PDB file of N, CA and C in Angstrom:
ATOM      1  N   UNK A   1     103.430 118.652  85.796  1.00  0.00           N
ATOM      2  CA  UNK A   1     103.991 120.019  86.267  1.00  0.00           C
ATOM      3  C   UNK A   1     105.524 119.973  86.504  1.00  0.00           C
ATOM      4  N   UNK A   2     106.050 121.032  86.217  1.00  0.00           N
ATOM      5  CA  UNK A   2     107.444 120.978  86.335  1.00  0.00           C
ATOM      6  C   UNK A   2     107.989 121.734  87.593  1.00  0.00           C
ATOM      7  N   UNK A   3     108.758 121.089  88.521  1.00  0.00           N
ATOM      8  CA  UNK A   3     109.450 121.257  90.080  1.00  0.00           C
ATOM      9  C   UNK A   3     110.593 121.651  90.102  1.00  0.00           C
ATOM     10  N   UNK A   4     110.931 122.839  90.431  1.00  0.00           N
ATOM     11  CA  UNK A   4     112.332 123.332  90.512  1.00  0.00           C
ATOM     12  C   UNK A   4     112.674 123.197  92.242  1.00  0.00           C
ATOM     13  N   UNK A   5     113.618 122.409  92.291  1.00  0.00           N
ATOM     14  CA  UNK A   5     114.280 121.962  93.659  1.00  0.00           C
ATOM     15  C   UNK A   5     115.186 123.075  93.771  1.00  0.00           C
ATOM     16  N   UNK A   6     115.297 123.524  94.826  1.00  0.00           N
ATOM     17  CA  UNK A   6     116.535 124.658  95.187  1.00  0.00           C
ATOM     18  C   UNK A   6     117.150 123.954  96.353  1.00  0.00           C
ATOM     19  N   UNK A   7     118.600 124.116  96.362  1.00  0.00           N
ATOM     20  CA  UNK A   7     119.351 124.095  97.600  1.00  0.00           C
ATOM     21  C   UNK A   7     120.233 125.410  97.459  1.00  0.00           C
ATOM     22  N   UNK A   8     120.570 125.806  98.872  1.00  0.00           N
ATOM     23  CA  UNK A   8     121.215 127.210  98.741  1.00  0.00           C
ATOM     24  C   UNK A   8     121.897 127.306 100.104  1.00  0.00           C
ATOM     25  N   UNK A   9     123.005 128.052 100.255  1.00  0.00           N
ATOM     26  CA  UNK A   9     123.304 128.358 101.454  1.00  0.00           C
ATOM     27  C   UNK A   9     122.701 129.583 102.092  1.00  0.00           C
ATOM     28  N   UNK A  10     122.790 129.695 103.546  1.00  0.00           N
ATOM     29  CA  UNK A  10     122.193 130.386 104.219  1.00  0.00           C
ATOM     30  C   UNK A  10     122.602 132.094 103.502  1.00  0.00           C
ATOM     31  N   UNK A  11     121.764 133.055 103.674  1.00  0.00           N
ATOM     32  CA  UNK A  11     121.918 134.624 103.202  1.00  0.00           C
ATOM     33  C   UNK A  11     121.863 134.746 101.650  1.00  0.00           C
ATOM     34  N   UNK A  12     121.650 133.477 101.022  1.00  0.00           N
ATOM     35  CA  UNK A  12     121.432 133.614  99.342  1.00  0.00           C
ATOM     36  C   UNK A  12     120.598 134.861  99.322  1.00  0.00           C
ATOM     37  N   UNK A  13     121.119 135.500  97.771  1.00  0.00           N
ATOM     38  CA  UNK A  13     120.064 136.490  97.235  1.00  0.00           C
ATOM     39  C   UNK A  13     119.365 135.941  96.262  1.00  0.00           C
ATOM     40  N   UNK A  14     118.195 136.710  96.165  1.00  0.00           N
ATOM     41  CA  UNK A  14     117.004 136.342  95.023  1.00  0.00           C
ATOM     42  C   UNK A  14     117.696 136.367  93.675  1.00  0.00           C
ATOM     43  N   UNK A  15     118.626 137.080  93.275  1.00  0.00           N
ATOM     44  CA  UNK A  15     119.248 137.280  91.987  1.00  0.00           C
ATOM     45  C   UNK A  15     119.982 135.719  91.430  1.00  0.00           C
ATOM     46  N   UNK A  16     120.514 135.564  92.766  1.00  0.00           N
ATOM     47  CA  UNK A  16     121.219 134.082  92.680  1.00  0.00           C
ATOM     48  C   UNK A  16     120.657 133.046  92.328  1.00  0.00           C
ATOM     49  N   UNK A  17     119.254 132.917  93.352  1.00  0.00           N
ATOM     50  CA  UNK A  17     118.177 132.025  92.783  1.00  0.00           C
ATOM     51  C   UNK A  17     117.816 131.830  91.491  1.00  0.00           C
ATOM     52  N   UNK A  18     117.337 132.986  91.162  1.00  0.00           N
ATOM     53  CA  UNK A  18     116.582 133.339  89.880  1.00  0.00           C
ATOM     54  C   UNK A  18     117.403 132.784  88.668  1.00  0.00           C
ATOM     55  N   UNK A  19     119.042 132.958  88.735  1.00  0.00           N
ATOM     56  CA  UNK A  19     119.966 132.838  87.934  1.00  0.00           C
ATOM     57  C   UNK A  19     120.101 131.406  87.664  1.00  0.00           C
ATOM     58  N   UNK A  20     120.345 130.644  88.784  1.00  0.00           N
ATOM     59  CA  UNK A  20     120.179 129.155  88.867  1.00  0.00           C
ATOM     60  C   UNK A  20     119.062 128.462  88.212  1.00  0.00           C
ATOM     61  N   UNK A  21     117.767 129.125  88.518  1.00  0.00           N
ATOM     62  CA  UNK A  21     116.539 128.382  88.066  1.00  0.00           C
ATOM     63  C   UNK A  21     116.531 128.603  86.684  1.00  0.00           C
ATOM     64  N   UNK A  22     116.860 129.971  85.918  1.00  0.00           N
ATOM     65  CA  UNK A  22     116.936 129.980  84.691  1.00  0.00           C
ATOM     66  C   UNK A  22     117.854 129.178  83.829  1.00  0.00           C
ATOM     67  N   UNK A  23     119.068 129.035  84.590  1.00  0.00           N
ATOM     68  CA  UNK A  23     119.908 127.851  83.892  1.00  0.00           C
ATOM     69  C   UNK A  23     119.368 126.391  83.829  1.00  0.00           C
ATOM     70  N   UNK A  24     118.732 126.082  84.843  1.00  0.00           N
ATOM     71  CA  UNK A  24     118.492 124.829  84.546  1.00  0.00           C
ATOM     72  C   UNK A  24     116.999 124.776  83.705  1.00  0.00           C
ATOM     73  N   UNK A  25     116.363 125.692  83.742  1.00  0.00           N
ATOM     74  CA  UNK A  25     114.906 125.729  82.986  1.00  0.00           C
ATOM     75  C   UNK A  25     115.699 125.878  81.424  1.00  0.00           C
ATOM     76  N   UNK A  26     116.564 126.674  81.209  1.00  0.00           N
ATOM     77  CA  UNK A  26     117.285 126.657  79.717  1.00  0.00           C
ATOM     78  C   UNK A  26     117.794 124.939  79.455  1.00  0.00           C
ATOM     79  N   UNK A  27     118.074 124.073  80.370  1.00  0.00           N
ATOM     80  CA  UNK A  27     118.542 122.914  79.987  1.00  0.00           C
ATOM     81  C   UNK A  27     117.073 121.932  79.434  1.00  0.00           C
ATOM     82  N   UNK A  28     116.240 122.463  80.125  1.00  0.00           N
ATOM     83  CA  UNK A  28     114.702 121.640  79.790  1.00  0.00           C
ATOM     84  C   UNK A  28     114.059 122.246  78.294  1.00  0.00           C
ATOM     85  N   UNK A  29     114.325 123.792  78.237  1.00  0.00           N
ATOM     86  CA  UNK A  29     113.475 124.327  77.481  1.00  0.00           C
ATOM     87  C   UNK A  29     112.362 124.524  78.042  1.00  0.00           C
ATOM     88  N   UNK A  30     111.755 124.661  78.990  1.00  0.00           N
ATOM     89  CA  UNK A  30     110.460 124.864  79.631  1.00  0.00           C
ATOM     90  C   UNK A  30     110.760 125.586  81.310  1.00  0.00           C
ATOM     91  N   UNK A  31     109.397 126.358  81.596  1.00  0.00           N
ATOM     92  CA  UNK A  31     109.588 126.698  82.747  1.00  0.00           C
ATOM     93  C   UNK A  31     109.053 125.910  83.904  1.00  0.00           C
ATOM     94  N   UNK A  32     109.657 126.082  85.334  1.00  0.00           N
ATOM     95  CA  UNK A  32     109.051 125.702  86.546  1.00  0.00           C
ATOM     96  C   UNK A  32     107.655 126.392  86.797  1.00  0.00           C
ATOM     97  N   UNK A  33     107.032 125.578  87.359  1.00  0.00           N
ATOM     98  CA  UNK A  33     105.613 125.933  87.704  1.00  0.00           C
ATOM     99  C   UNK A  33     105.584 126.105  89.202  1.00  0.00           C
ATOM    100  N   UNK A  34     106.513 125.225  90.087  1.00  0.00           N
ATOM    101  CA  UNK A  34     106.602 125.051  91.439  1.00  0.00           C
ATOM    102  C   UNK A  34     107.796 125.315  91.940  1.00  0.00           C
ATOM    103  N   UNK A  35     108.180 125.864  92.934  1.00  0.00           N
ATOM    104  CA  UNK A  35     109.450 126.025  93.597  1.00  0.00           C
ATOM    105  C   UNK A  35     109.430 125.258  94.861  1.00  0.00           C
ATOM    106  N   UNK A  36     110.691 124.082  95.119  1.00  0.00           N
ATOM    107  CA  UNK A  36     110.473 123.399  96.245  1.00  0.00           C
ATOM    108  C   UNK A  36     111.728 123.570  97.229  1.00  0.00           C
ATOM    109  N   UNK A  37     111.440 123.842  98.241  1.00  0.00           N
ATOM    110  CA  UNK A  37     113.046 123.896  99.214  1.00  0.00           C
ATOM    111  C   UNK A  37     112.780 123.381 100.390  1.00  0.00           C
ATOM    112  N   UNK A  38     114.108 123.140 100.813  1.00  0.00           N
ATOM    113  CA  UNK A  38     113.986 122.209 102.025  1.00  0.00           C
ATOM    114  C   UNK A  38     113.648 122.896 103.280  1.00  0.00           C
ATOM    115  N   UNK A  39     112.861 122.285 104.529  1.00  0.00           N
ATOM    116  CA  UNK A  39     112.439 122.892 105.353  1.00  0.00           C
ATOM    117  C   UNK A  39     113.407 123.704 106.102  1.00  0.00           C
ATOM    118  N   UNK A  40     114.748 123.329 106.046  1.00  0.00           N
ATOM    119  CA  UNK A  40     115.627 124.179 106.726  1.00  0.00           C
ATOM    120  C   UNK A  40     116.283 125.540 105.846  1.00  0.00           C
ATOM    121  N   UNK A  41     115.469 125.550 104.713  1.00  0.00           N
ATOM    122  CA  UNK A  41     115.672 126.924 104.186  1.00  0.00           C
ATOM    123  C   UNK A  41     114.701 127.766 103.811  1.00  0.00           C
ATOM    124  N   UNK A  42     113.460 127.286 104.405  1.00  0.00           N
ATOM    125  CA  UNK A  42     111.740 127.896 104.590  1.00  0.00           C
ATOM    126  C   UNK A  42     111.933 129.572 104.890  1.00  0.00           C
ATOM    127  N   UNK A  43     112.717 129.649 105.747  1.00  0.00           N
ATOM    128  CA  UNK A  43     112.724 130.910 106.286  1.00  0.00           C
ATOM    129  C   UNK A  43     114.052 131.919 105.489  1.00  0.00           C
ATOM    130  N   UNK A  44     114.638 131.571 104.492  1.00  0.00           N
ATOM    131  CA  UNK A  44     115.610 132.358 103.933  1.00  0.00           C
ATOM    132  C   UNK A  44     114.472 133.337 103.091  1.00  0.00           C
ATOM    133  N   UNK A  45     114.843 134.783 103.402  1.00  0.00           N
ATOM    134  CA  UNK A  45     114.164 135.788 102.372  1.00  0.00           C
ATOM    135  C   UNK A  45     113.980 135.801 101.068  1.00  0.00           C
ATOM    136  N   UNK A  46     114.947 135.431 100.399  1.00  0.00           N
ATOM    137  CA  UNK A  46     115.216 135.320  99.275  1.00  0.00           C
ATOM    138  C   UNK A  46     114.420 134.185  98.547  1.00  0.00           C
ATOM    139  N   UNK A  47     113.887 133.111  99.040  1.00  0.00           N
ATOM    140  CA  UNK A  47     112.949 132.059  99.011  1.00  0.00           C
ATOM    141  C   UNK A  47     111.825 132.585  98.381  1.00  0.00           C
ATOM    142  N   UNK A  48     111.042 133.145  99.553  1.00  0.00           N
ATOM    143  CA  UNK A  48     109.772 133.924  99.252  1.00  0.00           C
ATOM    144  C   UNK A  48     109.909 134.867  98.173  1.00  0.00           C
ATOM    145  N   UNK A  49     111.159 135.553  98.250  1.00  0.00           N
ATOM    146  CA  UNK A  49     110.962 136.904  97.149  1.00  0.00           C
ATOM    147  C   UNK A  49     110.965 136.022  95.853  1.00  0.00           C
ATOM    148  N   UNK A  50     111.680 134.733  95.453  1.00  0.00           N
ATOM    149  CA  UNK A  50     111.561 134.339  93.964  1.00  0.00           C
ATOM    150  C   UNK A  50     110.278 133.918  93.597  1.00  0.00           C
ATOM    151  N   UNK A  51     109.626 133.379  94.669  1.00  0.00           N
ATOM    152  CA  UNK A  51     108.293 132.819  94.561  1.00  0.00           C
ATOM    153  C   UNK A  51     107.197 133.987  94.183  1.00  0.00           C
ATOM    154  N   UNK A  52     107.421 134.906  94.835  1.00  0.00           N
ATOM    155  CA  UNK A  52     106.583 136.013  94.493  1.00  0.00           C
ATOM    156  C   UNK A  52     106.835 136.469  93.498  1.00  0.00           C
ATOM    157  N   UNK A  53     108.276 136.819  93.000  1.00  0.00           N
ATOM    158  CA  UNK A  53     108.379 137.574  91.646  1.00  0.00           C
ATOM    159  C   UNK A  53     108.163 136.827  90.476  1.00  0.00           C
ATOM    160  N   UNK A  54     108.286 135.407  90.879  1.00  0.00           N
ATOM    161  CA  UNK A  54     108.194 134.405  89.108  1.00  0.00           C
ATOM    162  C   UNK A  54     106.763 133.909  89.534  1.00  0.00           C
ATOM    163  N   UNK A  55     105.888 134.715  90.411  1.00  0.00           N
ATOM    164  CA  UNK A  55     104.540 133.767  90.573  1.00  0.00           C
ATOM    165  C   UNK A  55     104.426 132.395  90.713  1.00  0.00           C
ATOM    166  N   UNK A  56     105.456 131.718  91.437  1.00  0.00           N
ATOM    167  CA  UNK A  56     105.286 130.369  91.554  1.00  0.00           C
ATOM    168  C   UNK A  56     105.098 129.809  93.169  1.00  0.00           C
ATOM    169  N   UNK A  57     103.904 128.884  92.833  1.00  0.00           N
ATOM    170  CA  UNK A  57     103.705 128.309  94.289  1.00  0.00           C
ATOM    171  C   UNK A  57     105.249 127.639  94.721  1.00  0.00           C
ATOM    172  N   UNK A  58     104.963 127.813  95.804  1.00  0.00           N
ATOM    173  CA  UNK A  58     106.218 127.375  96.768  1.00  0.00           C
ATOM    174  C   UNK A  58     105.744 126.276  97.827  1.00  0.00           C
ATOM    175  N   UNK A  59     106.645 125.273  97.828  1.00  0.00           N
ATOM    176  CA  UNK A  59     106.154 124.311  98.639  1.00  0.00           C
ATOM    177  C   UNK A  59     107.578 124.029  99.388  1.00  0.00           C
ATOM    178  N   UNK A  60     107.170 123.837 100.918  1.00  0.00           N
ATOM    179  CA  UNK A  60     108.181 123.409 101.594  1.00  0.00           C
ATOM    180  C   UNK A  60     108.473 121.929 102.174  1.00  0.00           C
ATOM    181  N   UNK A  61     109.626 121.002 101.716  1.00  0.00           N
ATOM    182  CA  UNK A  61     109.935 119.863 101.582  1.00  0.00           C
ATOM    183  C   UNK A  61     110.435 119.586 102.945  1.00  0.00           C
ATOM    184  N   UNK A  62     109.694 118.753 103.750  1.00  0.00           N
ATOM    185  CA  UNK A  62     109.927 118.286 105.144  1.00  0.00           C
ATOM    186  C   UNK A  62     111.007 117.158 105.069  1.00  0.00           C
ATOM    187  N   UNK A  63     111.422 116.678 106.479  1.00  0.00           N
ATOM    188  CA  UNK A  63     112.491 115.708 106.491  1.00  0.00           C
ATOM    189  C   UNK A  63     111.969 114.482 105.900  1.00  0.00           C
ATOM    190  N   UNK A  64     111.019 113.982 106.075  1.00  0.00           N
ATOM    191  CA  UNK A  64     110.399 112.748 105.714  1.00  0.00           C
ATOM    192  C   UNK A  64     110.595 112.601 104.191  1.00  0.00           C
ATOM    193  N   UNK A  65     109.820 113.463 103.576  1.00  0.00           N
ATOM    194  CA  UNK A  65     109.884 113.657 101.927  1.00  0.00           C
ATOM    195  C   UNK A  65     111.097 113.714 101.289  1.00  0.00           C
ATOM    196  N   UNK A  66     112.055 114.699 101.883  1.00  0.00           N
ATOM    197  CA  UNK A  66     113.408 114.879 101.411  1.00  0.00           C
ATOM    198  C   UNK A  66     114.093 113.498 101.979  1.00  0.00           C
ATOM    199  N   UNK A  67     114.122 113.128 102.785  1.00  0.00           N
ATOM    200  CA  UNK A  67     115.069 111.551 103.350  1.00  0.00           C
ATOM    201  C   UNK A  67     114.628 110.378 102.322  1.00  0.00           C
ATOM    202  N   UNK A  68     113.403 110.421 102.224  1.00  0.00           N
ATOM    203  CA  UNK A  68     112.367 109.484 101.230  1.00  0.00           C
ATOM    204  C   UNK A  68     112.972 109.072  99.806  1.00  0.00           C
ATOM    205  N   UNK A  69     113.755 110.289  99.203  1.00  0.00           N
ATOM    206  CA  UNK A  69     114.112 110.507  97.811  1.00  0.00           C
ATOM    207  C   UNK A  69     115.803 110.437  97.887  1.00  0.00           C
ATOM    208  N   UNK A  70     116.509 110.421  98.874  1.00  0.00           N
ATOM    209  CA  UNK A  70     117.864 110.281  98.903  1.00  0.00           C
ATOM    210  C   UNK A  70     118.277 109.433  97.848  1.00  0.00           C
ATOM    211  N   UNK A  71     117.853 108.172  97.978  1.00  0.00           N
ATOM    212  CA  UNK A  71     118.151 106.893  97.475  1.00  0.00           C
ATOM    213  C   UNK A  71     118.153 106.940  95.888  1.00  0.00           C
ATOM    214  N   UNK A  72     117.287 107.730  95.078  1.00  0.00           N
ATOM    215  CA  UNK A  72     117.360 107.739  93.975  1.00  0.00           C
ATOM    216  C   UNK A  72     118.042 109.056  93.337  1.00  0.00           C
ATOM    217  N   UNK A  73     118.497 109.837  93.977  1.00  0.00           N
ATOM    218  CA  UNK A  73     119.065 111.161  93.599  1.00  0.00           C
ATOM    219  C   UNK A  73     120.324 110.456  92.933  1.00  0.00           C
ATOM    220  N   UNK A  74     120.449 110.927  91.706  1.00  0.00           N
ATOM    221  CA  UNK A  74     121.848 110.630  90.915  1.00  0.00           C
ATOM    222  C   UNK A  74     123.142 111.411  91.375  1.00  0.00           C
ATOM    223  N   UNK A  75     122.788 112.768  91.990  1.00  0.00           N
ATOM    224  CA  UNK A  75     124.123 113.423  92.344  1.00  0.00           C
ATOM    225  C   UNK A  75     124.109 113.580  93.750  1.00  0.00           C
ATOM    226  N   UNK A  76     125.299 113.364  94.202  1.00  0.00           N
ATOM    227  CA  UNK A  76     125.583 113.481  95.868  1.00  0.00           C
ATOM    228  C   UNK A  76     126.611 114.226  96.055  1.00  0.00           C
ATOM    229  N   UNK A  77     126.602 114.982  96.963  1.00  0.00           N
ATOM    230  CA  UNK A  77     127.548 116.076  97.405  1.00  0.00           C
ATOM    231  C   UNK A  77     128.228 115.952  99.038  1.00  0.00           C
ATOM    232  N   UNK A  78     129.240 115.390  99.146  1.00  0.00           N
ATOM    233  CA  UNK A  78     129.646 115.257 100.641  1.00  0.00           C
ATOM    234  C   UNK A  78     129.691 116.574 101.503  1.00  0.00           C
ATOM    235  N   UNK A  79     129.954 117.828 100.775  1.00  0.00           N
ATOM    236  CA  UNK A  79     129.571 119.021 101.496  1.00  0.00           C
ATOM    237  C   UNK A  79     128.164 119.213 101.735  1.00  0.00           C
ATOM    238  N   UNK A  80     127.494 118.935 100.905  1.00  0.00           N
ATOM    239  CA  UNK A  80     125.996 119.138 101.406  1.00  0.00           C
ATOM    240  C   UNK A  80     125.469 117.864 102.584  1.00  0.00           C
ATOM    241  N   UNK A  81     125.925 117.004 102.486  1.00  0.00           N
ATOM    242  CA  UNK A  81     125.591 115.967 103.302  1.00  0.00           C
ATOM    243  C   UNK A  81     126.459 116.409 104.599  1.00  0.00           C
ATOM    244  N   UNK A  82     127.780 116.915 104.587  1.00  0.00           N
ATOM    245  CA  UNK A  82     128.175 117.504 106.135  1.00  0.00           C
ATOM    246  C   UNK A  82     127.313 118.512 106.790  1.00  0.00           C
ATOM    247  N   UNK A  83     126.794 119.719 105.844  1.00  0.00           N
ATOM    248  CA  UNK A  83     126.192 120.801 106.445  1.00  0.00           C
ATOM    249  C   UNK A  83     124.832 120.819 106.553  1.00  0.00           C
ATOM    250  N   UNK A  84     124.189 119.764 105.986  1.00  0.00           N
ATOM    251  CA  UNK A  84     122.713 119.747 106.192  1.00  0.00           C
ATOM    252  C   UNK A  84     122.122 118.439 106.400  1.00  0.00           C
ATOM    253  N   UNK A  85     123.016 117.353 106.208  1.00  0.00           N
ATOM    254  CA  UNK A  85     122.632 116.018 106.591  1.00  0.00           C
ATOM    255  C   UNK A  85     122.057 115.172 105.076  1.00  0.00           C
ATOM    256  N   UNK A  86     121.953 115.746 104.405  1.00  0.00           N
ATOM    257  CA  UNK A  86     121.244 115.273 102.900  1.00  0.00           C
ATOM    258  C   UNK A  86     122.211 115.668 102.163  1.00  0.00           C
ATOM    259  N   UNK A  87     122.808 114.195 101.017  1.00  0.00           N
ATOM    260  CA  UNK A  87     123.521 114.352  99.971  1.00  0.00           C
ATOM    261  C   UNK A  87     123.044 115.128  98.897  1.00  0.00           C
ATOM    262  N   UNK A  88     121.775 115.183  98.789  1.00  0.00           N
ATOM    263  CA  UNK A  88     121.290 115.898  97.578  1.00  0.00           C
ATOM    264  C   UNK A  88     119.962 116.327  97.916  1.00  0.00           C
ATOM    265  N   UNK A  89     120.248 118.007  98.105  1.00  0.00           N
ATOM    266  CA  UNK A  89     119.128 118.909  98.330  1.00  0.00           C
ATOM    267  C   UNK A  89     118.242 119.038  97.167  1.00  0.00           C
ATOM    268  N   UNK A  90     118.852 119.810  96.376  1.00  0.00           N
ATOM    269  CA  UNK A  90     118.285 120.141  94.912  1.00  0.00           C
ATOM    270  C   UNK A  90     117.205 119.323  94.364  1.00  0.00           C
ATOM    271  N   UNK A  91     117.819 118.186  93.997  1.00  0.00           N
ATOM    272  CA  UNK A  91     117.335 116.955  93.382  1.00  0.00           C
ATOM    273  C   UNK A  91     116.348 116.314  94.348  1.00  0.00           C
ATOM    274  N   UNK A  92     116.354 116.246  95.531  1.00  0.00           N
ATOM    275  CA  UNK A  92     115.747 115.618  96.716  1.00  0.00           C
ATOM    276  C   UNK A  92     114.319 116.585  96.673  1.00  0.00           C
ATOM    277  N   UNK A  93     114.618 117.877  96.720  1.00  0.00           N
ATOM    278  CA  UNK A  93     113.299 118.825  96.814  1.00  0.00           C
ATOM    279  C   UNK A  93     112.541 118.760  95.533  1.00  0.00           C
ATOM    280  N   UNK A  94     113.313 118.590  94.158  1.00  0.00           N
ATOM    281  CA  UNK A  94     112.317 118.392  92.957  1.00  0.00           C
ATOM    282  C   UNK A  94     111.642 117.250  93.026  1.00  0.00           C
ATOM    283  N   UNK A  95     111.975 115.999  93.391  1.00  0.00           N
ATOM    284  CA  UNK A  95     111.493 114.794  93.294  1.00  0.00           C
ATOM    285  C   UNK A  95     110.429 114.552  94.458  1.00  0.00           C
ATOM    286  N   UNK A  96     110.928 114.841  95.276  1.00  0.00           N
ATOM    287  CA  UNK A  96     109.782 114.878  96.654  1.00  0.00           C
ATOM    288  C   UNK A  96     108.835 115.672  96.384  1.00  0.00           C
ATOM    289  N   UNK A  97     108.529 116.941  95.903  1.00  0.00           N
ATOM    290  CA  UNK A  97     107.523 117.934  95.431  1.00  0.00           C
ATOM    291  C   UNK A  97     106.722 117.411  94.364  1.00  0.00           C
ATOM    292  N   UNK A  98     107.431 116.936  93.327  1.00  0.00           N
ATOM    293  CA  UNK A  98     106.836 116.229  92.157  1.00  0.00           C
ATOM    294  C   UNK A  98     106.305 114.715  92.233  1.00  0.00           C
ATOM    295  N   UNK A  99     106.390 114.435  93.381  1.00  0.00           N
ATOM    296  CA  UNK A  99     105.674 112.970  93.380  1.00  0.00           C
ATOM    297  C   UNK A  99     106.231 112.012  94.302  1.00  0.00           C
ATOM    298  N   UNK A 100     107.734 112.348  94.496  1.00  0.00           N
ATOM    299  CA  UNK A 100     108.591 111.060  95.401  1.00  0.00           C
ATOM    300  C   UNK A 100     109.233 110.212  94.254  1.00  0.00           C
ATOM    301  N   UNK A 101     108.877 108.966  94.552  1.00  0.00           N
ATOM    302  CA  UNK A 101     109.355 107.932  93.570  1.00  0.00           C
ATOM    303  C   UNK A 101     108.498 107.935  92.394  1.00  0.00           C
ATOM    304  N   UNK A 102     107.811 108.400  92.484  1.00  0.00           N
ATOM    305  CA  UNK A 102     106.615 108.398  90.770  1.00  0.00           C
ATOM    306  C   UNK A 102     107.183 109.524  89.936  1.00  0.00           C
ATOM    307  N   UNK A 103     108.051 110.318  90.484  1.00  0.00           N
ATOM    308  CA  UNK A 103     108.388 111.494  89.573  1.00  0.00           C
ATOM    309  C   UNK A 103     109.652 111.305  88.799  1.00  0.00           C
ATOM    310  N   UNK A 104     109.926 112.196  87.746  1.00  0.00           N
ATOM    311  CA  UNK A 104     110.991 111.768  86.965  1.00  0.00           C
ATOM    312  C   UNK A 104     112.252 113.117  87.018  1.00  0.00           C
ATOM    313  N   UNK A 105     113.262 113.005  87.358  1.00  0.00           N
ATOM    314  CA  UNK A 105     114.074 114.036  87.046  1.00  0.00           C
ATOM    315  C   UNK A 105     114.611 114.346  85.715  1.00  0.00           C
ATOM    316  N   UNK A 106     114.205 115.587  85.297  1.00  0.00           N
ATOM    317  CA  UNK A 106     114.229 116.012  84.112  1.00  0.00           C
ATOM    318  C   UNK A 106     115.838 116.810  83.829  1.00  0.00           C
ATOM    319  N   UNK A 107     116.072 117.554  84.887  1.00  0.00           N
ATOM    320  CA  UNK A 107     117.293 118.311  84.895  1.00  0.00           C
ATOM    321  C   UNK A 107     118.080 118.169  86.204  1.00  0.00           C
ATOM    322  N   UNK A 108     119.191 117.274  86.092  1.00  0.00           N
ATOM    323  CA  UNK A 108     120.150 117.088  87.530  1.00  0.00           C
ATOM    324  C   UNK A 108     120.355 118.514  88.104  1.00  0.00           C
ATOM    325  N   UNK A 109     121.042 118.206  89.194  1.00  0.00           N
ATOM    326  CA  UNK A 109     121.554 119.302  89.708  1.00  0.00           C
ATOM    327  C   UNK A 109     122.448 120.327  88.839  1.00  0.00           C
ATOM    328  N   UNK A 110     122.107 121.672  88.614  1.00  0.00           N
ATOM    329  CA  UNK A 110     122.807 122.678  88.011  1.00  0.00           C
ATOM    330  C   UNK A 110     123.303 123.510  89.586  1.00  0.00           C
ATOM    331  N   UNK A 111     124.717 123.953  89.476  1.00  0.00           N
ATOM    332  CA  UNK A 111     125.174 124.667  90.337  1.00  0.00           C
ATOM    333  C   UNK A 111     125.559 125.953  89.653  1.00  0.00           C
ATOM    334  N   UNK A 112     125.091 126.975  90.469  1.00  0.00           N
ATOM    335  CA  UNK A 112     125.662 128.309  90.256  1.00  0.00           C
ATOM    336  C   UNK A 112     125.993 129.147  91.261  1.00  0.00           C
ATOM    337  N   UNK A 113     127.143 129.439  91.905  1.00  0.00           N
ATOM    338  CA  UNK A 113     127.507 130.250  93.007  1.00  0.00           C
ATOM    339  C   UNK A 113     126.895 129.513  94.323  1.00  0.00           C
ATOM    340  N   UNK A 114     125.875 130.030  95.030  1.00  0.00           N
ATOM    341  CA  UNK A 114     125.517 129.636  96.338  1.00  0.00           C
ATOM    342  C   UNK A 114     124.325 128.916  96.088  1.00  0.00           C
ATOM    343  N   UNK A 115     123.988 128.567  95.057  1.00  0.00           N
ATOM    344  CA  UNK A 115     122.710 127.849  94.533  1.00  0.00           C
ATOM    345  C   UNK A 115     122.905 126.631  93.928  1.00  0.00           C
ATOM    346  N   UNK A 116     122.135 125.434  94.081  1.00  0.00           N
ATOM    347  CA  UNK A 116     121.990 124.601  93.145  1.00  0.00           C
ATOM    348  C   UNK A 116     120.565 124.307  92.720  1.00  0.00           C
ATOM    349  N   UNK A 117     120.047 123.741  91.708  1.00  0.00           N
ATOM    350  CA  UNK A 117     118.862 123.895  91.141  1.00  0.00           C
ATOM    351  C   UNK A 117     118.647 122.841  90.189  1.00  0.00           C
ATOM    352  N   UNK A 118     117.677 121.922  90.454  1.00  0.00           N
ATOM    353  CA  UNK A 118     117.227 120.521  89.682  1.00  0.00           C
ATOM    354  C   UNK A 118     115.735 120.572  89.334  1.00  0.00           C
ATOM    355  N   UNK A 119     115.507 120.299  88.183  1.00  0.00           N
ATOM    356  CA  UNK A 119     114.097 120.048  87.618  1.00  0.00           C
ATOM    357  C   UNK A 119     113.424 118.535  87.595  1.00  0.00           C
ATOM    358  N   UNK A 120     112.197 118.256  87.880  1.00  0.00           N
ATOM    359  CA  UNK A 120     111.235 117.208  87.876  1.00  0.00           C
ATOM    360  C   UNK A 120     110.334 117.560  87.397  1.00  0.00           C
ATOM    361  N   UNK A 121     109.615 116.251  87.161  1.00  0.00           N
ATOM    362  CA  UNK A 121     108.091 116.524  86.751  1.00  0.00           C
ATOM    363  C   UNK A 121     107.392 115.322  87.017  1.00  0.00           C
ATOM    364  N   UNK A 122     106.125 115.745  87.569  1.00  0.00           N
ATOM    365  CA  UNK A 122     104.996 114.701  87.854  1.00  0.00           C
ATOM    366  C   UNK A 122     104.759 113.439  87.000  1.00  0.00           C
ATOM    367  N   UNK A 123     104.611 112.681  87.426  1.00  0.00           N
ATOM    368  CA  UNK A 123     104.277 111.799  86.716  1.00  0.00           C
ATOM    369  C   UNK A 123     102.991 111.664  85.488  1.00  0.00           C
ATOM    370  N   UNK A 124     101.830 112.673  85.986  1.00  0.00           N
ATOM    371  CA  UNK A 124     100.707 112.992  85.378  1.00  0.00           C
ATOM    372  C   UNK A 124     101.264 113.782  83.983  1.00  0.00           C
ATOM    373  N   UNK A 125     102.554 114.359  84.148  1.00  0.00           N
ATOM    374  CA  UNK A 125     103.036 115.490  83.010  1.00  0.00           C
ATOM    375  C   UNK A 125     103.699 114.659  82.404  1.00  0.00           C
ATOM    376  N   UNK A 126     104.252 113.343  82.609  1.00  0.00           N
ATOM    377  CA  UNK A 126     105.010 112.628  81.491  1.00  0.00           C
ATOM    378  C   UNK A 126     104.089 112.418  80.056  1.00  0.00           C
ATOM    379  N   UNK A 127     102.969 112.394  79.966  1.00  0.00           N
ATOM    380  CA  UNK A 127     102.428 112.005  78.794  1.00  0.00           C
ATOM    381  C   UNK A 127     102.060 112.830  77.976  1.00  0.00           C
TER     382      UNK A 127
END
């Protein structure tokens, strides 16, 4: 299963998330099957809109799961760390939702405007 981890600023628009998601998917040549967002952005209207419009399952990544994968995320953002407490939101969400330490990051953080997106694949999807 390919998981798209999303990081975004408050008030993000649906089209911004979709554009960044499509950018990341173009790097892999495959489409995401699950959208993963951090618990602190779960109430953003655009997040549920994207999941509904693209018929993606939505997973909210909680603090323990997001914290648990920070050490294996290759991209760190001091700005994200200052504003959210996590140095890697998109990559962290993608990895956590794809199985944590057993997942593989396929596309590192891509940034487009107010959105970051990273893609990970669950271990069972590697064969």
